[in-house]
Amino acid sequence: CYGSFIYWDYEQTEADQKIAEMCAEYQEKKEEFEIAERERMEREYAEQVRKAEEARIEAEKRRKEREAKHMQVEANYVETPVDYFLTNVIDPRFSKLDGVSAYEAVLRRCGSKLGAQVDTGWVVCGREALAPFLERNLPYLRSIHHKDVVSVTDDPAATQNAPLGLGIEENRAAFDFAVAHGLGQIVDLDNSAGDLLEDLERSAAYLRSLVEE
């Protein structure tokens, strides 16, 4: 009986050893798997971060390109030899001077020392008829500053702008006037109901369509 007991104990010990070896092997493989899985997840995360950064850079690039186009359009006006350059603002809340808007009065009093880049949107906001206004002030005009508006309000600063051709401004008349007199033309928006740069692009496209007609 004693010998049998010793034999049984040896078998049990051998089995325990095998189990221990299997557990150790399992643990080793588990750790290898966890390391591999963690590395895979880190690679996937790094790839997601890389793609997100590329998308951000591309979006920033497109935004800067749109801004550059806008700036290029704004900079494309006729250089003038006058000492000062007057743009904007005809505000109906201001009293008239010499029977005309303060804007016109300033131009007339300064004479050849002042040139004008007329903002057509503000002419409309000032409740001035655009065509007669341009004709009256032709001697001072150096360029046309196209801007369309949805409607005229008592507070011009609160007026909603619109892409050219979608508001109430006489866009074609202003364009034809500028072409007829060799005046530079730019596009501008003070605000937008949507994306400002996209609306500026629509306005520029509208002007190009007039050129191509």
C-alpha atoms as a PDB file:
ATOM      1  CA  CYS A   1       0.000   0.000   0.000  1.00  0.00           C
ATOM      2  CA  TYR A   2       2.799   2.329   0.820  1.00  0.00           C
ATOM      3  CA  GLY A   3       4.404   1.842  -2.605  1.00  0.00           C
ATOM      4  CA  SER A   4       1.107   2.449  -4.346  1.00  0.00           C
ATOM      5  CA  PHE A   5       0.680   5.688  -2.418  1.00  0.00           C
ATOM      6  CA  ILE A   6       4.107   6.891  -3.481  1.00  0.00           C
ATOM      7  CA  TYR A   7       3.295   6.053  -7.151  1.00  0.00           C
ATOM      8  CA  TRP A   8      -0.011   7.905  -6.991  1.00  0.00           C
ATOM      9  CA  ASP A   9       1.674  10.985  -5.538  1.00  0.00           C
ATOM     10  CA  TYR A  10       4.228  11.000  -8.339  1.00  0.00           C
ATOM     11  CA  GLU A  11       1.507  10.856 -10.995  1.00  0.00           C
ATOM     12  CA  GLN A  12      -0.364  13.709  -9.354  1.00  0.00           C
ATOM     13  CA  THR A  13       2.768  15.785  -9.163  1.00  0.00           C
ATOM     14  CA  GLU A  14       3.479  15.186 -12.847  1.00  0.00           C
ATOM     15  CA  ALA A  15      -0.064  16.216 -13.744  1.00  0.00           C
ATOM     16  CA  ASP A  16       0.204  19.327 -11.617  1.00  0.00           C
ATOM     17  CA  GLN A  17       3.444  20.193 -13.344  1.00  0.00           C
ATOM     18  CA  LYS A  18       1.849  19.807 -16.757  1.00  0.00           C
ATOM     19  CA  ILE A  19      -1.072  21.941 -15.676  1.00  0.00           C
ATOM     20  CA  ALA A  20       1.331  24.540 -14.341  1.00  0.00           C
ATOM     21  CA  GLU A  21       3.240  24.494 -17.633  1.00  0.00           C
ATOM     22  CA  MET A  22       0.017  24.832 -19.598  1.00  0.00           C
ATOM     23  CA  CYS A  23      -1.087  27.715 -17.387  1.00  0.00           C
ATOM     24  CA  ALA A  24       2.281  29.403 -17.831  1.00  0.00           C
ATOM     25  CA  GLU A  25       2.098  28.899 -21.601  1.00  0.00           C
ATOM     26  CA  TYR A  26      -1.457  30.209 -21.639  1.00  0.00           C
ATOM     27  CA  GLN A  27      -0.436  33.224 -19.580  1.00  0.00           C
ATOM     28  CA  GLU A  28       2.490  33.883 -21.895  1.00  0.00           C
ATOM     29  CA  LYS A  29       0.321  33.655 -24.997  1.00  0.00           C
ATOM     30  CA  LYS A  30      -2.319  35.803 -23.309  1.00  0.00           C
ATOM     31  CA  GLU A  31       0.259  38.481 -22.583  1.00  0.00           C
ATOM     32  CA  GLU A  32       1.573  38.245 -26.152  1.00  0.00           C
ATOM     33  CA  PHE A  33      -1.983  38.581 -27.458  1.00  0.00           C
ATOM     34  CA  GLU A  34      -2.710  41.530 -25.180  1.00  0.00           C
ATOM     35  CA  ILE A  35       0.512  43.236 -26.273  1.00  0.00           C
ATOM     36  CA  ALA A  36      -0.296  42.600 -29.935  1.00  0.00           C
ATOM     37  CA  GLU A  37      -3.878  43.800 -29.447  1.00  0.00           C
ATOM     38  CA  ARG A  38      -2.724  46.905 -27.624  1.00  0.00           C
ATOM     39  CA  GLU A  39      -0.215  47.648 -30.392  1.00  0.00           C
ATOM     40  CA  ARG A  40      -2.937  47.119 -33.009  1.00  0.00           C
ATOM     41  CA  MET A  41      -5.288  49.501 -31.213  1.00  0.00           C
ATOM     42  CA  GLU A  42      -2.501  52.041 -30.827  1.00  0.00           C
ATOM     43  CA  ARG A  43      -1.757  51.793 -34.557  1.00  0.00           C
ATOM     44  CA  GLU A  44      -5.441  52.219 -35.402  1.00  0.00           C
ATOM     45  CA  TYR A  45      -5.728  55.195 -33.070  1.00  0.00           C
ATOM     46  CA  ALA A  46      -2.568  56.738 -34.522  1.00  0.00           C
ATOM     47  CA  GLU A  47      -4.033  56.239 -38.016  1.00  0.00           C
ATOM     48  CA  GLN A  48      -7.296  57.883 -36.980  1.00  0.00           C
ATOM     49  CA  VAL A  49      -5.372  60.804 -35.481  1.00  0.00           C
ATOM     50  CA  ARG A  50      -3.295  61.095 -38.666  1.00  0.00           C
ATOM     51  CA  LYS A  51      -6.397  61.108 -40.886  1.00  0.00           C
ATOM     52  CA  ALA A  52      -8.145  63.631 -38.638  1.00  0.00           C
ATOM     53  CA  GLU A  53      -5.091  65.883 -38.769  1.00  0.00           C
ATOM     54  CA  GLU A  54      -4.907  65.548 -42.553  1.00  0.00           C
ATOM     55  CA  ALA A  55      -8.605  66.445 -42.797  1.00  0.00           C
ATOM     56  CA  ARG A  56      -8.065  69.443 -40.506  1.00  0.00           C
ATOM     57  CA  ILE A  57      -5.086  70.610 -42.553  1.00  0.00           C
ATOM     58  CA  GLU A  58      -7.039  70.185 -45.804  1.00  0.00           C
ATOM     59  CA  ALA A  59     -10.026  72.083 -44.396  1.00  0.00           C
ATOM     60  CA  GLU A  60      -7.715  74.858 -43.186  1.00  0.00           C
ATOM     61  CA  LYS A  61      -6.069  74.930 -46.612  1.00  0.00           C
ATOM     62  CA  ARG A  62      -9.447  75.297 -48.344  1.00  0.00           C
ATOM     63  CA  ARG A  63     -10.473  78.019 -45.889  1.00  0.00           C
ATOM     64  CA  LYS A  64      -7.260  79.950 -46.546  1.00  0.00           C
ATOM     65  CA  GLU A  65      -7.709  79.517 -50.296  1.00  0.00           C
ATOM     66  CA  ARG A  66     -11.224  80.981 -50.058  1.00  0.00           C
ATOM     67  CA  GLU A  67      -9.930  83.836 -47.929  1.00  0.00           C
ATOM     68  CA  ALA A  68      -7.089  84.416 -50.379  1.00  0.00           C
ATOM     69  CA  LYS A  69      -9.574  84.575 -53.256  1.00  0.00           C
ATOM     70  CA  HIS A  70     -11.653  87.055 -51.293  1.00  0.00           C
ATOM     71  CA  MET A  71      -8.623  89.173 -50.488  1.00  0.00           C
ATOM     72  CA  GLN A  72      -7.491  89.020 -54.089  1.00  0.00           C
ATOM     73  CA  VAL A  73     -10.888  90.225 -55.261  1.00  0.00           C
ATOM     74  CA  GLU A  74     -10.923  93.013 -52.682  1.00  0.00           C
ATOM     75  CA  ALA A  75      -7.409  94.094 -53.656  1.00  0.00           C
ATOM     76  CA  ASN A  76      -8.294  94.210 -57.336  1.00  0.00           C
ATOM     77  CA  TYR A  77      -9.427  97.812 -57.553  1.00  0.00           C
ATOM     78  CA  VAL A  78      -8.125 100.672 -59.667  1.00  0.00           C
ATOM     79  CA  GLU A  79      -5.268 102.577 -58.058  1.00  0.00           C
ATOM     80  CA  THR A  80      -6.041 106.255 -57.799  1.00  0.00           C
ATOM     81  CA  PRO A  81      -3.735 109.291 -57.560  1.00  0.00           C
ATOM     82  CA  VAL A  82      -6.001 111.063 -55.096  1.00  0.00           C
ATOM     83  CA  ASP A  83      -4.735 111.687 -51.558  1.00  0.00           C
ATOM     84  CA  TYR A  84      -7.590 109.858 -49.816  1.00  0.00           C
ATOM     85  CA  PHE A  85     -10.018 107.140 -50.728  1.00  0.00           C
ATOM     86  CA  LEU A  86     -13.615 107.157 -49.448  1.00  0.00           C
ATOM     87  CA  THR A  87     -15.720 103.995 -49.235  1.00  0.00           C
ATOM     88  CA  ASN A  88     -19.027 103.154 -47.496  1.00  0.00           C
ATOM     89  CA  VAL A  89     -21.273 104.713 -45.724  1.00  0.00           C
ATOM     90  CA  ILE A  90     -24.541 106.374 -46.753  1.00  0.00           C
ATOM     91  CA  ASP A  91     -26.728 106.313 -43.696  1.00  0.00           C
ATOM     92  CA  PRO A  92     -30.290 107.729 -43.869  1.00  0.00           C
ATOM     93  CA  ARG A  93     -30.126 108.484 -40.155  1.00  0.00           C
ATOM     94  CA  PHE A  94     -27.646 111.270 -40.891  1.00  0.00           C
ATOM     95  CA  SER A  95     -28.942 114.672 -41.991  1.00  0.00           C
ATOM     96  CA  LYS A  96     -28.389 115.711 -45.580  1.00  0.00           C
ATOM     97  CA  LEU A  97     -25.840 118.372 -46.390  1.00  0.00           C
ATOM     98  CA  ASP A  98     -26.293 120.761 -49.284  1.00  0.00           C
ATOM     99  CA  GLY A  99     -29.377 118.764 -50.241  1.00  0.00           C
ATOM    100  CA  VAL A 100     -27.441 115.514 -50.726  1.00  0.00           C
ATOM    101  CA  SER A 101     -26.174 112.691 -48.535  1.00  0.00           C
ATOM    102  CA  ALA A 102     -23.241 113.452 -46.261  1.00  0.00           C
ATOM    103  CA  TYR A 103     -21.196 111.075 -48.415  1.00  0.00           C
ATOM    104  CA  GLU A 104     -21.762 113.163 -51.534  1.00  0.00           C
ATOM    105  CA  ALA A 105     -21.250 116.405 -49.659  1.00  0.00           C
ATOM    106  CA  VAL A 106     -17.845 115.240 -48.438  1.00  0.00           C
ATOM    107  CA  LEU A 107     -16.849 114.240 -51.972  1.00  0.00           C
ATOM    108  CA  ARG A 108     -17.859 117.605 -53.407  1.00  0.00           C
ATOM    109  CA  ARG A 109     -16.187 119.653 -50.701  1.00  0.00           C
ATOM    110  CA  CYS A 110     -12.916 117.721 -51.000  1.00  0.00           C
ATOM    111  CA  GLY A 111     -12.905 117.882 -54.787  1.00  0.00           C
ATOM    112  CA  SER A 112      -9.969 116.231 -56.555  1.00  0.00           C
ATOM    113  CA  LYS A 113      -8.287 115.347 -53.258  1.00  0.00           C
ATOM    114  CA  LEU A 114     -10.754 112.565 -52.624  1.00  0.00           C
ATOM    115  CA  GLY A 115     -11.699 109.542 -54.704  1.00  0.00           C
ATOM    116  CA  ALA A 116     -14.612 107.197 -54.059  1.00  0.00           C
ATOM    117  CA  GLN A 117     -15.183 103.482 -54.042  1.00  0.00           C
ATOM    118  CA  VAL A 118     -18.950 103.398 -53.822  1.00  0.00           C
ATOM    119  CA  ASP A 119     -20.530 100.593 -51.827  1.00  0.00           C
ATOM    120  CA  THR A 120     -23.717  99.876 -53.783  1.00  0.00           C
ATOM    121  CA  GLY A 121     -25.340  98.087 -50.853  1.00  0.00           C
ATOM    122  CA  TRP A 122     -24.992 101.159 -48.679  1.00  0.00           C
ATOM    123  CA  VAL A 123     -26.367 103.351 -51.465  1.00  0.00           C
ATOM    124  CA  VAL A 124     -29.500 101.193 -51.425  1.00  0.00           C
ATOM    125  CA  CYS A 125     -29.583 101.233 -47.607  1.00  0.00           C
ATOM    126  CA  GLY A 126     -29.342 105.014 -47.750  1.00  0.00           C
ATOM    127  CA  ARG A 127     -32.503 104.998 -49.869  1.00  0.00           C
ATOM    128  CA  GLU A 128     -30.670 106.538 -52.785  1.00  0.00           C
ATOM    129  CA  ALA A 129     -31.532 105.595 -56.376  1.00  0.00           C
ATOM    130  CA  LEU A 130     -28.373 103.805 -57.477  1.00  0.00           C
ATOM    131  CA  ALA A 131     -28.130 104.815 -61.161  1.00  0.00           C
ATOM    132  CA  PRO A 132     -28.616 108.585 -60.573  1.00  0.00           C
ATOM    133  CA  PHE A 133     -26.238 108.439 -57.609  1.00  0.00           C
ATOM    134  CA  LEU A 134     -23.501 106.912 -59.742  1.00  0.00           C
ATOM    135  CA  GLU A 135     -24.049 109.418 -62.537  1.00  0.00           C
ATOM    136  CA  ARG A 136     -23.936 112.391 -60.142  1.00  0.00           C
ATOM    137  CA  ASN A 137     -20.709 111.247 -58.559  1.00  0.00           C
ATOM    138  CA  LEU A 138     -18.877 109.926 -61.616  1.00  0.00           C
ATOM    139  CA  PRO A 139     -16.063 112.545 -61.364  1.00  0.00           C
ATOM    140  CA  TYR A 140     -15.084 111.110 -57.976  1.00  0.00           C
ATOM    141  CA  LEU A 141     -15.544 107.408 -58.647  1.00  0.00           C
ATOM    142  CA  ARG A 142     -12.531 105.129 -58.886  1.00  0.00           C
ATOM    143  CA  SER A 143     -14.210 101.759 -58.365  1.00  0.00           C
ATOM    144  CA  ILE A 144     -17.509 100.045 -57.571  1.00  0.00           C
ATOM    145  CA  HIS A 145     -17.958  98.051 -54.376  1.00  0.00           C
ATOM    146  CA  HIS A 146     -20.753  95.562 -55.163  1.00  0.00           C
ATOM    147  CA  LYS A 147     -22.968  94.464 -52.296  1.00  0.00           C
ATOM    148  CA  ASP A 148     -26.547  93.163 -52.439  1.00  0.00           C
ATOM    149  CA  VAL A 149     -29.133  93.375 -49.662  1.00  0.00           C
ATOM    150  CA  VAL A 150     -32.339  91.508 -48.922  1.00  0.00           C
ATOM    151  CA  SER A 151     -34.311  94.610 -47.957  1.00  0.00           C
ATOM    152  CA  VAL A 152     -33.913  98.122 -46.561  1.00  0.00           C
ATOM    153  CA  THR A 153     -34.510  98.783 -42.873  1.00  0.00           C
ATOM    154  CA  ASP A 154     -34.452 101.855 -40.674  1.00  0.00           C
ATOM    155  CA  ASP A 155     -31.191 100.574 -39.200  1.00  0.00           C
ATOM    156  CA  PRO A 156     -28.760  99.973 -42.071  1.00  0.00           C
ATOM    157  CA  ALA A 157     -26.337  98.196 -39.741  1.00  0.00           C
ATOM    158  CA  ALA A 158     -28.988  95.509 -39.233  1.00  0.00           C
ATOM    159  CA  THR A 159     -29.608  95.018 -42.957  1.00  0.00           C
ATOM    160  CA  GLN A 160     -29.199  91.423 -44.136  1.00  0.00           C
ATOM    161  CA  ASN A 161     -26.822  91.028 -47.086  1.00  0.00           C
ATOM    162  CA  ALA A 162     -27.325  88.555 -49.922  1.00  0.00           C
ATOM    163  CA  PRO A 163     -25.157  87.089 -52.697  1.00  0.00           C
ATOM    164  CA  LEU A 164     -25.228  89.305 -55.786  1.00  0.00           C
ATOM    165  CA  GLY A 165     -28.360  88.724 -57.817  1.00  0.00           C
ATOM    166  CA  LEU A 166     -30.415  87.434 -54.901  1.00  0.00           C
ATOM    167  CA  GLY A 167     -31.244  90.777 -53.299  1.00  0.00           C
ATOM    168  CA  ILE A 168     -32.799  94.046 -54.404  1.00  0.00           C
ATOM    169  CA  GLU A 169     -29.753  95.904 -55.712  1.00  0.00           C
ATOM    170  CA  GLU A 170     -29.575  96.832 -59.399  1.00  0.00           C
ATOM    171  CA  ASN A 171     -26.514  94.662 -59.924  1.00  0.00           C
ATOM    172  CA  ARG A 172     -26.548  94.667 -63.710  1.00  0.00           C
ATOM    173  CA  ALA A 173     -26.934  98.437 -63.911  1.00  0.00           C
ATOM    174  CA  ALA A 174     -24.000  98.990 -61.537  1.00  0.00           C
ATOM    175  CA  PHE A 175     -21.881  96.482 -63.481  1.00  0.00           C
ATOM    176  CA  ASP A 176     -22.672  98.091 -66.851  1.00  0.00           C
ATOM    177  CA  PHE A 177     -21.943 101.535 -65.429  1.00  0.00           C
ATOM    178  CA  ALA A 178     -18.555 100.415 -64.119  1.00  0.00           C
ATOM    179  CA  VAL A 179     -17.633  98.772 -67.430  1.00  0.00           C
ATOM    180  CA  ALA A 180     -18.745 101.800 -69.434  1.00  0.00           C
ATOM    181  CA  HIS A 181     -16.542 104.123 -67.370  1.00  0.00           C
ATOM    182  CA  GLY A 182     -13.578 101.828 -66.809  1.00  0.00           C
ATOM    183  CA  LEU A 183     -14.078 101.524 -63.059  1.00  0.00           C
ATOM    184  CA  GLY A 184     -12.635  98.690 -60.998  1.00  0.00           C
ATOM    185  CA  GLN A 185     -15.115  96.328 -59.378  1.00  0.00           C
ATOM    186  CA  ILE A 186     -14.952  94.271 -56.189  1.00  0.00           C
ATOM    187  CA  VAL A 187     -17.426  92.143 -54.227  1.00  0.00           C
ATOM    188  CA  ASP A 188     -18.107  92.418 -50.510  1.00  0.00           C
ATOM    189  CA  LEU A 189     -20.518  91.192 -47.834  1.00  0.00           C
ATOM    190  CA  ASP A 190     -20.934  92.585 -44.331  1.00  0.00           C
ATOM    191  CA  ASN A 191     -22.854  89.513 -43.214  1.00  0.00           C
ATOM    192  CA  SER A 192     -24.430  86.331 -44.527  1.00  0.00           C
ATOM    193  CA  ALA A 193     -27.407  84.141 -43.718  1.00  0.00           C
ATOM    194  CA  GLY A 194     -25.220  81.132 -44.553  1.00  0.00           C
ATOM    195  CA  ASP A 195     -21.488  80.711 -45.118  1.00  0.00           C
ATOM    196  CA  LEU A 196     -19.922  84.123 -45.754  1.00  0.00           C
ATOM    197  CA  LEU A 197     -17.086  82.894 -47.973  1.00  0.00           C
ATOM    198  CA  GLU A 198     -19.398  80.659 -50.005  1.00  0.00           C
ATOM    199  CA  ASP A 199     -21.761  83.613 -50.552  1.00  0.00           C
ATOM    200  CA  LEU A 200     -18.791  85.731 -51.649  1.00  0.00           C
ATOM    201  CA  GLU A 201     -17.865  83.030 -54.160  1.00  0.00           C
ATOM    202  CA  ARG A 202     -21.460  83.036 -55.443  1.00  0.00           C
ATOM    203  CA  SER A 203     -21.283  86.815 -55.813  1.00  0.00           C
ATOM    204  CA  ALA A 204     -17.978  86.621 -57.682  1.00  0.00           C
ATOM    205  CA  ALA A 205     -19.447  83.908 -59.933  1.00  0.00           C
ATOM    206  CA  TYR A 206     -22.430  86.183 -60.635  1.00  0.00           C
ATOM    207  CA  LEU A 207     -20.099  89.001 -61.723  1.00  0.00           C
ATOM    208  CA  ARG A 208     -18.135  86.599 -63.916  1.00  0.00           C
ATOM    209  CA  SER A 209     -21.374  85.519 -65.566  1.00  0.00           C
ATOM    210  CA  LEU A 210     -22.070  89.155 -66.472  1.00  0.00           C
ATOM    211  CA  VAL A 211     -18.594  89.453 -67.978  1.00  0.00           C
ATOM    212  CA  GLU A 212     -19.176  86.346 -70.083  1.00  0.00           C
ATOM    213  CA  GLU A 213     -22.543  87.505 -71.462  1.00  0.00           C
END
